[in-house]
Amino acid sequence: MELENVNYAQKQRLAFIDFKLMFTSSVTRNEIIQRFECGTAAASRDLALYKELAPKNLSYNTTEKQYIIESNFKPLFNHDPRKTLVKLANEISDGFDSIGDTKFPVEAL
C-alpha cells in the first residue's frame, strides 16, 4: 500500500507512530489506543501498516512490549524540528503537523 492511498484518520495515527519513534525511540499499542480512543484491533492494523510502509524503521521488543526504533530509521513524514521541540517540552506528542493539518500556536522562545 502507498501512503497516498491511506485515509486521513489512519494517516494521523501513522504520523503519531512515526513521531514517537523518531523523538522518543519507542511506541506502544496502548499509546495509540489512548491517544486516538481506538480499539486494540485498529492500533494493531496501524502498526502493521506502518511496518509494511517502513519495514526497517521499527522492531518489536517482547521484553518491553513496545516497538522500538531501528538504527536505519527513515521517517515517513516531515516533522518540523522547532514545533517538535516545543511539543516535547510540553509533553504534546501528536505528529499531526507532519501531515499538514494542525497549526501549533506555541512558538519557541
Protein backbone atom coordinates (compact mmCIF):
# COMPACT_ATOMS: atom_id res chain seq x y z
CA MET A 1 0.00 0.00 0.00
CA GLU A 2 1.14 3.54 -0.74
CA LEU A 3 0.95 6.30 1.88
CA GLU A 4 -1.07 8.44 -0.57
CA ASN A 5 -3.84 5.81 -0.51
CA VAL A 6 -4.22 5.85 3.28
CA ASN A 7 -7.28 7.63 4.68
CA TYR A 8 -6.83 10.80 6.74
CA ALA A 9 -7.57 9.27 10.17
CA GLN A 10 -5.14 6.42 9.66
CA LYS A 11 -2.53 8.85 8.30
CA GLN A 12 -2.78 10.75 11.60
CA ARG A 13 -2.14 7.56 13.53
CA LEU A 14 0.80 6.66 11.28
CA ALA A 15 2.25 10.15 11.79
CA PHE A 16 1.93 9.63 15.54
CA ILE A 17 3.79 6.30 15.33
CA ASP A 18 6.49 7.94 13.21
CA PHE A 19 6.74 10.89 15.62
CA LYS A 20 7.02 8.66 18.69
CA LEU A 21 9.71 6.51 17.12
CA MET A 22 11.72 9.45 15.84
CA PHE A 23 11.65 11.54 19.01
CA THR A 24 11.15 9.08 21.87
CA SER A 25 12.59 5.93 20.21
CA SER A 26 9.57 3.76 21.01
CA VAL A 27 5.81 3.43 20.73
CA THR A 28 3.29 1.05 22.25
CA ARG A 29 -0.07 -0.17 21.02
CA ASN A 30 -1.61 1.23 24.21
CA GLU A 31 -0.29 4.75 23.44
CA ILE A 32 -2.11 4.66 20.10
CA ILE A 33 -5.29 3.36 21.74
CA GLN A 34 -5.24 6.06 24.42
CA ARG A 35 -4.30 8.92 22.10
CA PHE A 36 -6.88 8.14 19.43
CA GLU A 37 -9.51 6.36 21.53
CA CYS A 38 -9.48 3.39 19.18
CA GLY A 39 -9.61 -0.34 19.76
CA THR A 40 -6.79 -2.84 20.01
CA ALA A 41 -7.52 -4.19 16.52
CA ALA A 42 -7.29 -0.72 14.94
CA ALA A 43 -4.00 0.04 16.71
CA SER A 44 -2.62 -3.34 15.61
CA ARG A 45 -3.63 -2.62 11.99
CA ASP A 46 -1.91 0.77 12.17
CA LEU A 47 1.31 -0.77 13.46
CA ALA A 48 1.16 -3.49 10.80
CA LEU A 49 0.62 -0.88 8.06
CA TYR A 50 3.46 1.26 9.39
CA LYS A 51 5.71 -1.82 9.32
CA GLU A 52 4.58 -2.54 5.74
CA LEU A 53 5.34 1.04 4.66
CA ALA A 54 8.65 1.26 6.55
CA PRO A 55 9.82 -2.26 7.41
CA LYS A 56 13.28 -1.15 8.55
CA ASN A 57 12.04 1.58 10.92
CA LEU A 58 10.90 -0.48 13.90
CA SER A 59 11.04 -3.83 15.62
CA TYR A 60 9.05 -5.32 18.46
CA ASN A 61 10.77 -5.75 21.81
CA THR A 62 9.00 -8.65 23.50
CA THR A 63 10.59 -7.94 26.88
CA GLU A 64 9.43 -4.31 26.98
CA LYS A 65 6.27 -4.99 24.93
CA GLN A 66 6.88 -1.99 22.73
CA TYR A 67 8.00 -1.16 19.23
CA ILE A 68 11.47 0.38 19.15
CA ILE A 69 13.31 2.41 16.58
CA GLU A 70 15.87 0.70 14.37
CA SER A 71 19.27 2.21 13.63
CA ASN A 72 18.45 2.75 9.94
CA PHE A 73 15.19 4.64 10.70
CA LYS A 74 13.96 6.96 7.94
CA PRO A 75 10.82 8.94 8.84
CA LEU A 76 7.72 8.57 6.69
CA PHE A 77 6.65 12.15 7.49
CA ASN A 78 8.42 15.51 7.68
CA HIS A 79 8.33 16.62 11.31
CA ASP A 80 9.11 20.30 11.94
CA PRO A 81 12.04 20.35 14.43
CA ARG A 82 11.07 23.63 16.14
CA LYS A 83 7.45 22.62 16.64
CA THR A 84 8.58 19.20 17.79
CA LEU A 85 10.88 20.60 20.47
CA VAL A 86 8.05 22.74 21.82
CA LYS A 87 5.69 19.76 21.76
CA LEU A 88 8.15 17.51 23.55
CA ALA A 89 8.90 20.19 26.15
CA ASN A 90 5.16 20.49 26.81
CA GLU A 91 4.51 16.73 26.55
CA ILE A 92 2.31 17.15 23.47
CA SER A 93 3.25 14.38 21.08
CA ASP A 94 0.90 14.09 18.15
CA GLY A 95 2.88 14.27 14.90
CA PHE A 96 -0.08 15.97 13.19
CA ASP A 97 1.86 18.92 11.79
CA SER A 98 3.78 16.45 9.64
CA ILE A 99 0.63 15.78 7.58
CA GLY A 100 -0.16 19.49 7.30
CA ASP A 101 -3.40 19.70 9.25
CA THR A 102 -2.50 21.36 12.53
CA LYS A 103 -1.15 24.81 13.18
CA PHE A 104 0.62 24.77 16.52
CA PRO A 105 0.04 28.11 18.30
CA VAL A 106 3.03 27.99 20.67
CA GLU A 107 6.28 29.45 19.47
CA ALA A 108 9.72 28.61 20.81
CA LEU A 109 11.49 31.24 22.86
